[in-house]
Protein backbone atom coordinates (compact mmCIF):
# COMPACT_ATOMS: atom_id res chain seq x y z
CA MET A 1 -0.13 0.05 0.04
CA GLU A 2 2.63 2.95 1.23
CA LEU A 3 5.18 1.94 -1.99
CA THR A 4 1.96 2.19 -4.38
CA LEU A 5 0.72 5.65 -2.81
CA LEU A 6 4.57 6.98 -2.84
CA PHE A 7 4.88 5.93 -6.38
CA LEU A 8 1.35 7.22 -7.25
CA ILE A 9 2.65 10.69 -6.00
CA GLY A 10 5.54 10.94 -8.18
CA PHE A 11 8.36 10.32 -5.24
CA LEU A 12 9.39 6.91 -6.96
CA PRO A 13 13.04 9.00 -8.24
CA LEU A 14 13.37 10.77 -5.07
CA LEU A 15 13.30 7.72 -2.85
CA ILE A 16 15.27 5.13 -5.57
CA GLY A 17 17.86 5.09 -2.85
CA SER A 18 15.58 3.79 0.11
CA ILE A 19 13.55 1.26 -1.95
CA ALA A 20 14.53 -3.15 -0.99
CA TYR A 21 16.93 -3.90 -4.45
CA SER A 22 17.09 -7.42 -5.39
CA GLY A 23 20.50 -6.84 -7.13
CA VAL A 24 23.04 -4.13 -7.90
CA THR A 25 21.68 -1.13 -10.04
CA LEU A 26 23.37 1.16 -12.21
CA PRO A 27 22.44 4.66 -14.02
CA ARG A 28 22.25 4.42 -17.51
CA VAL A 29 24.91 7.06 -17.85
CA PHE A 30 27.26 3.79 -17.19
CA GLY A 31 26.75 1.16 -19.87
CA SER A 32 28.74 -0.77 -22.24
CA ASN A 33 30.64 1.47 -25.09
CA MET A 34 30.51 4.75 -22.56
CA VAL A 35 33.53 6.87 -22.66
CA LEU A 36 35.02 7.67 -19.13
CA GLN A 37 37.00 10.50 -18.28
CA ARG A 38 40.86 10.13 -18.39
CA ASP A 39 43.48 11.26 -16.10
CA MET A 40 41.39 11.68 -13.16
CA GLN A 41 39.52 10.16 -10.47
CA THR A 42 36.62 8.33 -12.01
CA PRO A 43 33.08 8.36 -9.63
CA ILE A 44 31.16 5.13 -10.07
CA TRP A 45 27.64 5.08 -8.46
CA GLY A 46 24.72 3.11 -7.94
CA TRP A 47 22.22 1.43 -6.03
CA ALA A 48 21.96 -1.97 -3.84
CA SER A 49 20.39 -3.50 -0.93
CA PRO A 50 21.28 -1.16 2.76
CA GLY A 51 24.59 -3.08 3.55
CA GLU A 52 25.17 -5.05 0.39
CA GLU A 53 29.06 -5.49 -0.29
CA ILE A 54 30.03 -4.55 -3.86
CA THR A 55 33.39 -5.04 -5.95
CA ILE A 56 34.06 -3.07 -8.85
CA THR A 57 36.45 -4.68 -11.48
CA LEU A 58 38.16 -2.33 -14.21
CA SER A 59 40.05 -5.10 -16.63
CA ALA A 60 41.52 -4.79 -20.37
CA GLU A 61 41.65 -6.99 -22.88
CA ALA A 62 45.27 -6.02 -23.02
CA GLU A 63 47.20 -9.16 -21.29
CA ASP A 64 49.98 -7.06 -19.77
CA VAL A 65 47.29 -4.25 -18.07
CA LYS A 66 46.77 -5.16 -14.41
CA PRO A 67 43.11 -5.13 -13.27
CA VAL A 68 41.49 -2.29 -10.62
CA THR A 69 39.27 -3.64 -7.80
CA THR A 70 38.09 -1.64 -5.40
CA THR A 71 35.04 -2.05 -3.16
CA ALA A 72 32.14 -0.44 -1.48
CA VAL A 73 29.50 -1.04 0.53
CA ALA A 74 25.85 0.33 -0.09
CA ASP A 75 24.61 2.96 2.65
CA THR A 76 21.33 2.97 4.68
CA ASP A 77 19.86 4.50 1.50
CA GLY A 78 20.97 1.72 -0.58
CA ASN A 79 23.57 4.62 -2.56
CA TRP A 80 26.69 3.69 -2.75
CA GLN A 81 30.03 5.31 -4.66
CA VAL A 82 33.66 4.48 -5.51
CA LYS A 83 36.30 6.25 -7.61
CA LEU A 84 38.33 4.19 -10.13
CA PRO A 85 41.88 5.86 -10.24
CA ALA A 86 43.37 8.41 -12.67
CA MET A 87 43.43 5.93 -16.47
CA ALA A 88 45.21 6.91 -19.83
CA ALA A 89 43.62 7.12 -22.22
CA GLY A 90 42.77 3.73 -24.12
CA GLY A 91 41.07 0.51 -24.01
CA PRO A 92 39.06 -1.22 -24.26
CA TYR A 93 37.89 -2.59 -20.64
CA THR A 94 35.47 -4.23 -19.14
CA LEU A 95 33.49 -3.19 -15.88
CA ARG A 96 32.81 -5.73 -14.04
CA ILE A 97 30.22 -4.85 -10.83
CA LYS A 98 29.16 -7.61 -8.62
CA GLY A 99 27.20 -7.44 -5.64
CA SER A 100 23.64 -10.23 -5.23
CA ASN A 101 24.36 -9.82 -8.73
CA THR A 102 26.91 -9.07 -11.70
CA LEU A 103 26.87 -6.19 -14.03
CA GLU A 104 29.39 -6.41 -17.12
CA LEU A 105 29.89 -3.50 -18.96
CA THR A 106 31.98 -4.03 -22.29
CA ASN A 107 33.90 -1.93 -25.15
CA VAL A 108 34.83 0.57 -22.12
CA LEU A 109 37.01 3.49 -23.51
CA PHE A 110 38.93 5.85 -21.61
CA GLY A 111 39.15 9.13 -23.55
CA GLU A 112 37.89 13.14 -23.05
CA VAL A 113 34.23 13.59 -22.41
CA TRP A 114 32.89 16.78 -23.24
CA VAL A 115 28.34 17.85 -21.77
CA CYS A 116 27.12 20.27 -25.12
CA SER A 117 23.59 21.40 -23.73
CA GLY A 118 21.54 24.40 -24.95
CA GLN A 119 19.10 24.93 -27.38
CA SER A 120 17.52 24.47 -30.64
CA ASN A 121 21.02 25.03 -32.10
CA MET A 122 23.00 22.81 -30.09
CA GLU A 123 19.96 20.20 -30.49
CA TRP A 124 20.27 20.72 -34.76
CA PRO A 125 20.55 17.26 -35.95
CA VAL A 126 23.49 16.19 -38.16
CA SER A 127 20.72 15.29 -41.12
CA ILE A 128 19.10 18.63 -41.80
CA SER A 129 22.98 20.82 -41.40
CA ASN A 130 25.18 21.70 -44.65
CA ASP A 131 26.70 18.34 -46.35
CA SER A 132 24.14 16.06 -44.12
CA GLU A 133 24.73 12.97 -46.86
CA GLU A 134 28.05 13.50 -47.15
CA GLU A 135 28.89 13.62 -43.73
CA ILE A 136 26.32 11.07 -42.46
CA ALA A 137 28.02 8.34 -44.92
CA ALA A 138 31.39 9.16 -44.02
CA ALA A 139 30.86 9.12 -39.76
CA MET A 140 32.62 5.91 -39.26
CA TYR A 141 34.13 6.66 -35.73
CA PRO A 142 33.84 4.03 -33.08
CA LYS A 143 36.33 5.60 -30.67
CA ILE A 144 33.78 8.73 -30.68
CA ARG A 145 30.75 8.08 -28.16
CA LEU A 146 27.54 9.55 -28.05
CA PHE A 147 25.11 10.06 -25.00
CA HIS A 148 21.86 11.58 -26.30
CA ILE A 149 20.00 12.82 -23.18
CA PRO A 150 15.95 12.49 -24.35
CA ARG A 151 13.76 15.50 -23.42
CA VAL A 152 12.32 15.68 -19.96
CA PRO A 153 11.63 18.26 -17.64
CA SER A 154 11.23 17.55 -14.35
CA GLY A 155 10.01 19.47 -10.59
CA LEU A 156 12.20 17.36 -8.50
CA PRO A 157 15.98 16.52 -9.07
CA GLN A 158 15.99 13.16 -10.94
CA GLN A 159 18.74 10.15 -10.63
CA ASP A 160 18.63 8.46 -14.06
CA VAL A 161 17.34 9.47 -17.43
CA GLU A 162 16.50 6.52 -20.75
CA ALA A 163 19.49 6.57 -22.91
CA ASP A 164 22.35 4.74 -23.80
CA TRP A 165 25.99 5.08 -24.93
CA SER A 166 26.86 3.90 -29.20
CA GLU A 167 29.46 4.67 -31.32
CA THR A 168 29.63 6.61 -33.97
CA THR A 169 28.21 5.22 -37.30
CA PRO A 170 26.14 6.35 -40.10
CA GLU A 171 23.46 4.77 -38.34
CA THR A 172 23.54 6.60 -34.77
CA ILE A 173 24.76 9.88 -36.25
CA PRO A 174 21.91 11.53 -38.09
CA ASN A 175 19.96 12.52 -35.22
CA PHE A 176 22.66 13.69 -32.95
CA SER A 177 23.84 17.25 -32.14
CA ALA A 178 25.68 18.60 -35.27
CA VAL A 179 27.53 20.98 -32.99
CA ALA A 180 28.49 18.18 -30.39
CA TYR A 181 29.80 16.13 -32.78
CA TYR A 182 31.91 18.44 -35.18
CA PHE A 183 33.37 19.61 -32.30
CA GLY A 184 34.24 15.91 -30.75
CA ARG A 185 35.44 14.96 -34.58
CA LYS A 186 37.82 17.67 -34.91
CA LEU A 187 39.40 17.06 -31.20
CA TYR A 188 39.26 13.43 -32.15
CA LYS A 189 41.07 13.84 -35.40
CA ASN A 190 43.55 16.16 -33.38
CA LEU A 191 44.30 14.20 -30.29
CA ASP A 192 43.65 10.50 -31.34
CA ILE A 193 42.18 9.76 -28.11
CA PRO A 194 39.00 8.32 -27.24
CA ILE A 195 35.88 11.00 -27.29
CA GLY A 196 32.27 10.93 -25.44
CA LEU A 197 29.99 13.04 -26.13
CA ILE A 198 26.47 14.14 -23.44
CA ASN A 199 24.39 15.39 -25.68
CA THR A 200 21.48 17.18 -23.19
CA SER A 201 19.27 19.73 -25.09
CA TRP A 202 16.00 20.88 -25.96
CA GLY A 203 14.93 23.65 -29.04
CA GLY A 204 13.22 26.58 -27.89
CA THR A 205 14.29 26.74 -24.48
CA ARG A 206 15.35 29.40 -21.98
CA ILE A 207 18.60 29.49 -20.13
CA GLU A 208 17.00 29.67 -16.73
CA PRO A 209 15.16 25.82 -16.81
CA TRP A 210 19.14 24.69 -17.20
CA THR A 211 20.02 26.14 -14.11
CA PRO A 212 20.61 24.73 -10.62
CA PRO A 213 18.79 26.39 -8.01
CA VAL A 214 22.59 27.09 -6.18
CA GLY A 215 23.40 28.84 -9.45
CA PHE A 216 20.45 31.21 -8.76
CA ALA A 217 21.69 31.45 -5.02
CA GLY A 218 25.03 32.75 -6.13
CA VAL A 219 23.82 35.47 -8.06
CA PRO A 220 22.28 38.54 -5.98
CA ALA A 221 21.15 40.09 -9.47
CA LEU A 222 18.96 37.14 -9.31
CA ALA A 223 17.41 37.18 -6.43
CA SER A 224 13.84 36.97 -7.13
CA ILE A 225 14.24 34.02 -9.38
CA ASN A 226 15.92 32.69 -6.14
CA LYS A 227 12.95 33.31 -4.33
CA GLU A 228 10.83 31.93 -6.69
CA VAL A 229 11.92 28.58 -6.58
CA LYS A 230 12.67 28.00 -2.79
CA ASP A 231 8.70 29.30 -2.23
CA ILE A 232 7.49 26.92 -5.18
CA HIS A 233 9.24 24.14 -3.33
CA ALA A 234 8.27 25.88 0.31
CA ASN A 235 4.87 25.70 -0.78
CA TYR A 236 4.72 22.16 -2.22
CA ARG A 237 6.43 20.49 0.93
CA ALA A 238 3.76 22.33 2.30
CA GLN A 239 0.37 20.98 0.55
CA LEU A 240 1.88 17.57 0.17
CA PRO A 241 0.07 16.24 3.60
CA GLU A 242 -3.16 17.01 2.01
CA LYS A 243 -2.45 16.12 -1.42
CA ILE A 244 -1.47 12.68 0.49
CA ASN A 245 -4.88 12.25 2.40
CA ALA A 246 -6.63 12.86 -1.06
CA ILE A 247 -4.51 10.41 -2.83
CA GLU A 248 -5.48 7.72 0.11
CA ALA A 249 -8.78 8.81 -0.18
CA TRP A 250 -9.01 7.88 -4.17
CA ILE A 251 -7.21 5.03 -3.96
CA THR A 252 -9.22 3.25 -1.81
CA GLU A 253 -12.60 4.72 -3.73
CA THR A 254 -10.84 3.44 -7.01
CA ARG A 255 -10.31 0.05 -5.57
CA LYS A 256 -14.14 -0.13 -4.48
CA ALA A 257 -15.02 0.96 -8.06
CA LEU A 258 -13.15 -1.95 -9.49
CA GLU A 259 -14.59 -4.56 -7.10
CA THR A 260 -18.25 -3.32 -8.49
CA ASP A 261 -17.52 -2.17 -11.53
CA ALA A 262 -18.73 1.76 -10.79
CA GLN A 263 -17.55 5.33 -12.79
CA LEU A 264 -14.01 5.73 -11.93
CA LYS A 265 -12.70 8.92 -11.02
CA PRO A 266 -9.12 10.38 -12.14
CA MET A 267 -6.51 10.68 -9.95
CA PRO A 268 -5.90 13.92 -7.86
CA ASP A 269 -3.01 15.88 -8.97
CA ASN A 270 -0.04 16.11 -8.01
CA THR A 271 2.37 17.64 -10.62
CA HIS A 272 5.44 19.63 -9.11
CA PRO A 273 4.57 23.44 -9.93
CA LEU A 274 8.61 23.26 -11.43
CA MET A 275 7.77 20.62 -13.55
CA ASP A 276 6.87 22.39 -17.28
CA ALA A 277 10.19 22.89 -19.37
CA GLY A 278 9.95 26.50 -19.27
CA ARG A 279 10.33 26.90 -15.86
CA PRO A 280 13.83 27.54 -13.56
CA THR A 281 15.17 24.64 -12.74
CA ALA A 282 12.81 21.93 -15.04
CA LEU A 283 15.59 21.23 -17.19
CA TYR A 284 18.61 20.92 -15.10
CA ASN A 285 16.56 18.03 -12.73
CA GLY A 286 15.95 16.16 -15.45
CA MET A 287 18.60 16.09 -18.04
CA VAL A 288 21.25 17.42 -16.38
CA HIS A 289 21.10 16.70 -12.15
CA PRO A 290 21.11 12.34 -13.29
CA ILE A 291 24.73 12.41 -14.74
CA ILE A 292 26.12 14.16 -12.15
CA PRO A 293 28.95 13.49 -11.04
CA TYR A 294 30.03 11.76 -13.90
CA ALA A 295 33.36 12.82 -15.15
CA ILE A 296 33.95 15.24 -17.58
CA ARG A 297 36.34 17.59 -19.36
CA GLY A 298 33.96 20.30 -20.05
CA ALA A 299 31.01 21.40 -20.90
CA LEU A 300 29.67 23.19 -24.32
CA TRP A 301 26.67 25.76 -24.14
CA TYR A 302 24.62 27.10 -27.50
CA GLN A 303 21.50 29.14 -26.28
CA GLY A 304 20.30 32.38 -26.00
CA GLU A 305 17.93 32.90 -28.98
CA SER A 306 14.84 32.43 -26.34
CA ASN A 307 16.54 34.88 -23.87
CA HIS A 308 17.49 37.32 -27.05
CA GLN A 309 15.75 40.27 -25.23
CA ASP A 310 17.62 39.62 -21.79
CA GLY A 311 20.15 42.21 -22.72
CA MET A 312 23.40 42.37 -19.95
CA ILE A 313 20.90 40.31 -17.32
CA TYR A 314 21.87 37.66 -19.81
CA HIS A 315 25.19 38.08 -18.30
CA GLU A 316 24.25 37.39 -14.59
CA LYS A 317 22.24 33.77 -15.97
CA MET A 318 25.42 32.68 -17.68
CA LYS A 319 27.20 33.51 -14.41
CA ALA A 320 24.28 31.43 -12.54
CA LEU A 321 24.36 28.50 -15.03
CA ILE A 322 28.04 28.33 -15.37
CA ASN A 323 29.11 28.03 -11.69
CA GLY A 324 25.95 26.69 -10.58
CA TRP A 325 27.29 23.40 -13.00
CA ARG A 326 30.54 24.01 -11.45
CA GLU A 327 29.14 23.81 -7.61
CA VAL A 328 27.21 20.92 -8.40
CA TRP A 329 29.72 18.84 -10.50
CA GLY A 330 32.57 19.56 -7.83
CA GLN A 331 35.24 19.40 -10.47
CA GLY A 332 36.48 23.03 -9.80
CA ASP A 333 36.52 25.41 -12.88
CA PHE A 334 35.99 22.95 -15.57
CA PRO A 335 36.09 24.32 -18.90
CA PHE A 336 32.87 26.12 -20.42
CA TYR A 337 32.95 27.49 -24.27
CA PHE A 338 29.84 28.73 -25.79
CA VAL A 339 28.50 30.23 -29.06
CA GLN A 340 27.92 33.48 -29.65
CA LEU A 341 24.85 33.71 -31.30
CA ALA A 342 24.48 34.33 -35.12
CA PRO A 343 23.20 37.21 -36.80
CA PHE A 344 19.38 36.93 -37.31
CA ASN A 345 16.21 39.63 -38.07
CA TYR A 346 14.12 38.79 -34.85
CA SER A 347 11.89 41.89 -35.18
CA ASN A 348 11.22 44.60 -38.70
CA GLN A 349 10.86 46.70 -35.53
CA GLU A 350 13.08 49.39 -35.03
CA GLU A 351 13.45 49.49 -31.38
CA GLY A 352 14.33 45.64 -31.95
CA GLN A 353 17.03 45.71 -33.49
CA PHE A 354 19.58 46.18 -30.92
CA PHE A 355 18.52 43.44 -28.82
CA LEU A 356 20.41 40.74 -30.53
CA PRO A 357 23.61 43.22 -29.94
CA GLN A 358 23.40 43.59 -26.17
CA ILE A 359 23.10 39.69 -25.97
CA TRP A 360 26.32 39.66 -28.12
CA GLU A 361 27.43 41.98 -25.07
CA ALA A 362 26.40 39.63 -22.53
CA GLN A 363 27.95 37.12 -23.78
CA THR A 364 31.19 38.91 -24.23
CA ALA A 365 31.26 39.69 -20.65
CA THR A 366 30.93 36.03 -19.74
CA LEU A 367 34.84 35.32 -20.88
CA ALA A 368 35.88 37.32 -17.64
CA LEU A 369 34.60 34.26 -15.66
CA PRO A 370 38.00 31.40 -15.05
CA ASN A 371 37.82 28.96 -17.80
CA THR A 372 35.40 30.39 -20.06
CA GLY A 373 35.54 30.66 -24.20
CA MET A 374 33.15 31.82 -26.99
CA ALA A 375 33.00 31.09 -30.79
CA VAL A 376 32.10 34.14 -32.76
CA THR A 377 29.30 33.02 -35.51
CA THR A 378 28.85 36.25 -37.70
CA ASP A 379 29.81 35.62 -40.66
CA ILE A 380 28.67 31.69 -40.63
CA GLY A 381 25.12 32.64 -39.70
CA ASN A 382 22.00 33.33 -41.96
CA PRO A 383 19.94 36.46 -40.72
CA LYS A 384 17.30 35.11 -41.93
CA ASP A 385 17.39 31.86 -40.62
CA VAL A 386 17.15 31.01 -36.74
CA HIS A 387 18.96 27.74 -37.77
CA PRO A 388 21.94 28.78 -39.87
CA ARG A 389 23.01 25.27 -41.12
CA ASN A 390 27.17 25.55 -40.84
CA LYS A 391 27.04 23.42 -38.12
CA GLN A 392 31.14 22.45 -38.95
CA GLY A 393 32.07 25.60 -38.38
CA VAL A 394 30.94 26.14 -35.43
CA GLY A 395 31.88 22.36 -33.86
CA ARG A 396 35.28 23.46 -35.44
CA ARG A 397 35.70 26.70 -33.80
CA LEU A 398 34.52 25.22 -30.00
CA ALA A 399 37.11 22.80 -30.66
CA LEU A 400 40.01 25.28 -31.28
CA TRP A 401 39.16 26.81 -27.58
CA ALA A 402 39.22 23.20 -25.77
CA LEU A 403 42.74 22.80 -28.02
CA ALA A 404 44.48 25.62 -27.37
CA LYS A 405 43.28 26.04 -23.53
CA ASP A 406 43.04 21.68 -22.40
CA TYR A 407 44.71 20.49 -24.95
CA GLY A 408 48.79 22.57 -25.06
CA ARG A 409 48.25 23.34 -28.81
CA ASP A 410 50.12 26.91 -28.30
CA ASP A 411 50.39 26.89 -32.65
CA VAL A 412 46.25 27.21 -32.12
CA THR A 413 44.53 30.63 -32.54
CA TYR A 414 41.48 29.94 -30.66
CA SER A 415 39.62 33.61 -31.25
CA GLY A 416 38.75 36.29 -33.78
CA PRO A 417 39.65 40.29 -32.61
CA LEU A 418 37.94 40.78 -28.95
CA TYR A 419 37.76 44.49 -28.58
CA LYS A 420 40.30 45.75 -25.88
CA SER A 421 40.76 49.72 -25.61
CA MET A 422 40.17 52.92 -27.57
CA ALA A 423 42.12 56.03 -27.81
CA VAL A 424 40.96 59.11 -29.52
CA GLU A 425 43.64 60.79 -31.94
CA GLY A 426 42.19 64.10 -33.39
CA ASN A 427 39.54 63.69 -35.50
CA THR A 428 39.81 59.63 -35.31
CA ILE A 429 39.50 56.65 -32.72
CA ARG A 430 42.12 54.36 -32.55
CA LEU A 431 41.27 50.73 -31.74
CA THR A 432 43.14 48.01 -29.94
CA PHE A 433 42.45 44.37 -29.70
CA ASP A 434 42.85 40.79 -28.27
CA HIS A 435 43.59 37.89 -30.14
CA VAL A 436 44.72 39.33 -33.68
CA GLY A 437 46.58 36.57 -34.36
CA SER A 438 48.70 36.72 -37.19
CA GLY A 439 47.52 40.03 -37.98
CA LEU A 440 44.13 41.54 -38.83
CA THR A 441 42.42 42.23 -42.41
CA SER A 442 39.20 41.92 -44.52
CA ARG A 443 37.44 38.63 -45.02
CA ASP A 444 36.43 39.35 -48.38
CA LYS A 445 39.43 42.01 -49.33
CA LYS A 446 37.53 45.17 -49.18
CA PRO A 447 37.17 48.45 -46.98
CA LEU A 448 35.93 46.83 -43.42
CA THR A 449 32.21 46.98 -42.80
CA TRP A 450 29.74 47.96 -39.80
CA PHE A 451 31.72 49.94 -38.07
CA GLN A 452 30.42 53.61 -36.98
CA ILE A 453 31.01 56.31 -34.85
CA ALA A 454 29.84 58.85 -33.03
CA GLY A 455 29.82 62.75 -31.01
CA GLU A 456 29.35 63.74 -27.88
CA ASP A 457 25.29 63.84 -29.19
CA LYS A 458 25.64 60.16 -29.43
CA GLU A 459 24.16 60.10 -33.36
CA PHE A 460 26.15 57.26 -34.54
CA VAL A 461 27.27 57.39 -38.64
CA GLU A 462 28.59 54.96 -40.68
CA ALA A 463 32.39 55.32 -40.87
CA GLN A 464 35.47 54.08 -42.37
CA ALA A 465 37.80 52.24 -41.05
CA THR A 466 41.13 51.12 -41.99
CA ILE A 467 43.63 48.38 -40.54
CA ASP A 468 47.03 50.02 -39.32
CA GLY A 469 49.16 47.32 -37.84
CA ASP A 470 47.40 45.51 -35.17
CA THR A 471 44.78 48.76 -34.62
CA VAL A 472 42.17 50.12 -36.50
CA VAL A 473 41.79 53.51 -37.43
CA VAL A 474 37.94 54.98 -37.40
CA SER A 475 37.06 57.67 -39.22
CA SER A 476 34.15 60.02 -40.46
CA ASP A 477 34.23 63.47 -41.89
CA ALA A 478 30.50 64.23 -40.22
CA ILE A 479 32.11 63.60 -37.10
CA ALA A 480 35.25 66.60 -35.82
CA ASN A 481 35.31 65.08 -32.25
CA PRO A 482 34.74 61.25 -31.79
CA VAL A 483 33.70 60.10 -28.90
CA ALA A 484 32.34 56.18 -29.69
CA VAL A 485 32.53 53.46 -31.55
CA ARG A 486 30.14 50.89 -32.35
CA PHE A 487 31.01 47.90 -34.31
CA GLY A 488 28.65 45.64 -35.84
CA TRP A 489 25.73 46.75 -33.58
CA HIS A 490 22.89 45.42 -35.41
CA GLN A 491 21.00 42.53 -35.34
CA SER A 492 21.70 41.50 -38.93
CA ALA A 493 25.08 42.55 -39.31
CA GLU A 494 27.64 40.37 -41.09
CA PRO A 495 30.76 42.22 -41.14
CA ASN A 496 34.10 41.19 -42.63
CA PHE A 497 36.70 42.39 -40.13
CA MET A 498 39.09 39.30 -38.82
CA ASN A 499 42.39 38.20 -38.10
CA LYS A 500 44.22 36.34 -40.45
CA GLU A 501 43.44 32.93 -39.08
CA GLY A 502 39.54 33.65 -40.81
CA LEU A 503 38.07 33.79 -36.87
CA PRO A 504 35.77 37.07 -36.97
CA ALA A 505 35.78 39.67 -34.80
CA SER A 506 33.10 40.06 -32.31
CA PRO A 507 30.89 43.15 -32.10
CA PHE A 508 30.91 45.42 -29.42
CA ARG A 509 30.54 49.31 -28.26
CA THR A 510 33.29 51.66 -26.39
CA ASP A 511 29.95 53.15 -25.55
CA SER A 512 27.56 52.25 -22.71
CA TRP A 513 24.41 54.58 -23.99
C-alpha cells in the first residue's frame, strides 16, 4: 500500500535509494560503449540493498594491463559510490560490478568527455545541417561515443535518464547534435584518443530551466528567481499532506469502484509546479542532475535565442549557469565554452534591432569568468534563418578553444579579435584588440564594414575603418570630435573584419549609452 502510494504521488525517483533492491543497479550513463574521463579519478555510483557489498573490477583486453579492483558498501538508503583511479586514454575495458548480482559493461574506453547543452542550435542534428548526406556516410568513428539524453523536465531532481551509449556510425549520427559531433570529430582528429559526447539540449528553451538552484543563489542580481524557486518548493512541501490524504482517499475509492464496476475518477493532481520545461531548474532536474558527478573534461553551451531580449541580465544568468554547474559537479572551474549567437532578424521594428547586439555584449562579458571561451559566428550565420546550417564551423571554433586551452596546442589561434581599448586621436579613434593572431584583415579584401562613430551628441554615423598594424583607425567626415565607436551593432550585421586565421571579430561598442 505504502509503496503504491509513493509511486502514485511521484516520489519513486526521489526514494530510489530507500527501496529494497533485488540486486546492484547503475544509472544509464554507465553502460557498454561509454567513454570515461581519462587522467582523473572517475566516480562510479549506483544503488543496491542497504549494507550490500559491491566489488567493482576494471579489466583490459590487453594481457599486460593489471585489473583495477575496488569495493563499496551500500549505505542505509541503498546508495554507493567508488572512484576509479586516474587512467590514461585507451581501452577497450570491461567494467564488472558484482554484488548479489553481476553487471558487465563492455567496450569501455577512457578519453575526453564533454557535456553539450543548450537550445535548438545545439540540438540541431547532423541530418539537416550542411552536407548532411556526405557527413553521415563518412561518420565511421568507433572511438567517438554518443550519449543522447531525451527531453524530460522535472520539478524535482531525477536520478536517471533513458539513454544509452553508442559508437558513431552512419546509423547513429543522423539525429545527434551536429555542433557536438563536429566538435568531437575535430578533437579526435587532433588528439587521436577516444571522445565521449553527452548531448542534453532542447529547442526553444531559455537558460533558466538549465540552471540549478545553487546557481541562482550565487548571483545577487537573480535574487527574485532564487526566491521563486525556494518559495515554490516550500509551498509544494507544505501542500503534500493534503495531497497525500486526497490520493489515499482516491485509492480507497478506486479500489471499491474496481470491485463494483462503478465509474472511475481521475487521480488527484500532484504535478510539481516546476515540472514545466519553461520553469527555472526544470531541465537541470530532469536532464543534467541525473549524470552528475560523471567525470567530464568540460561543457559546451549554445543557447540564448529564447533570451534574446534580456540584455546584460543574460550575463548574470550565464554566471548562474556556469558557476552552478561547476558547484554541483564538484570538479572545480572546468572548461565552459559557448557560442555567440549568429545574426538573425528577430524583429522588423526599429526598437528591436539592438536586442541581439546586447546579448552579444552579455556573452562577451561572460568571458570574464575563469576558464570560459566564446566561438563567434557572425560570418557563418543566416539573418533569415535562426538555425544556420553550417554547424561544422561552429563545432570547429569551439574545438579550437579546447585544443589551445585544454590540450596544450600553443600553435592554435582560437579566437577572433576582441575589443580591448580605444584612444581618440584628433578626429579619429584608434582601436586595439586582443587575439589579433598573425594580423588583422578583411574577409573579402574589401574595406571594413559595420563600423560606426559618434560625437558627444550620441548620434552614430557610418564610418571608415582602416587597419593600421594591429589596430583599426575609425573616422567620419561628419564627426569632427569623435567619442565612441560601435562595430557590428545590429542584429543582421555580418561584418568582414577578422584576423588572418579566419576568425571573425566579435561585435562591440565602446560606449554604454
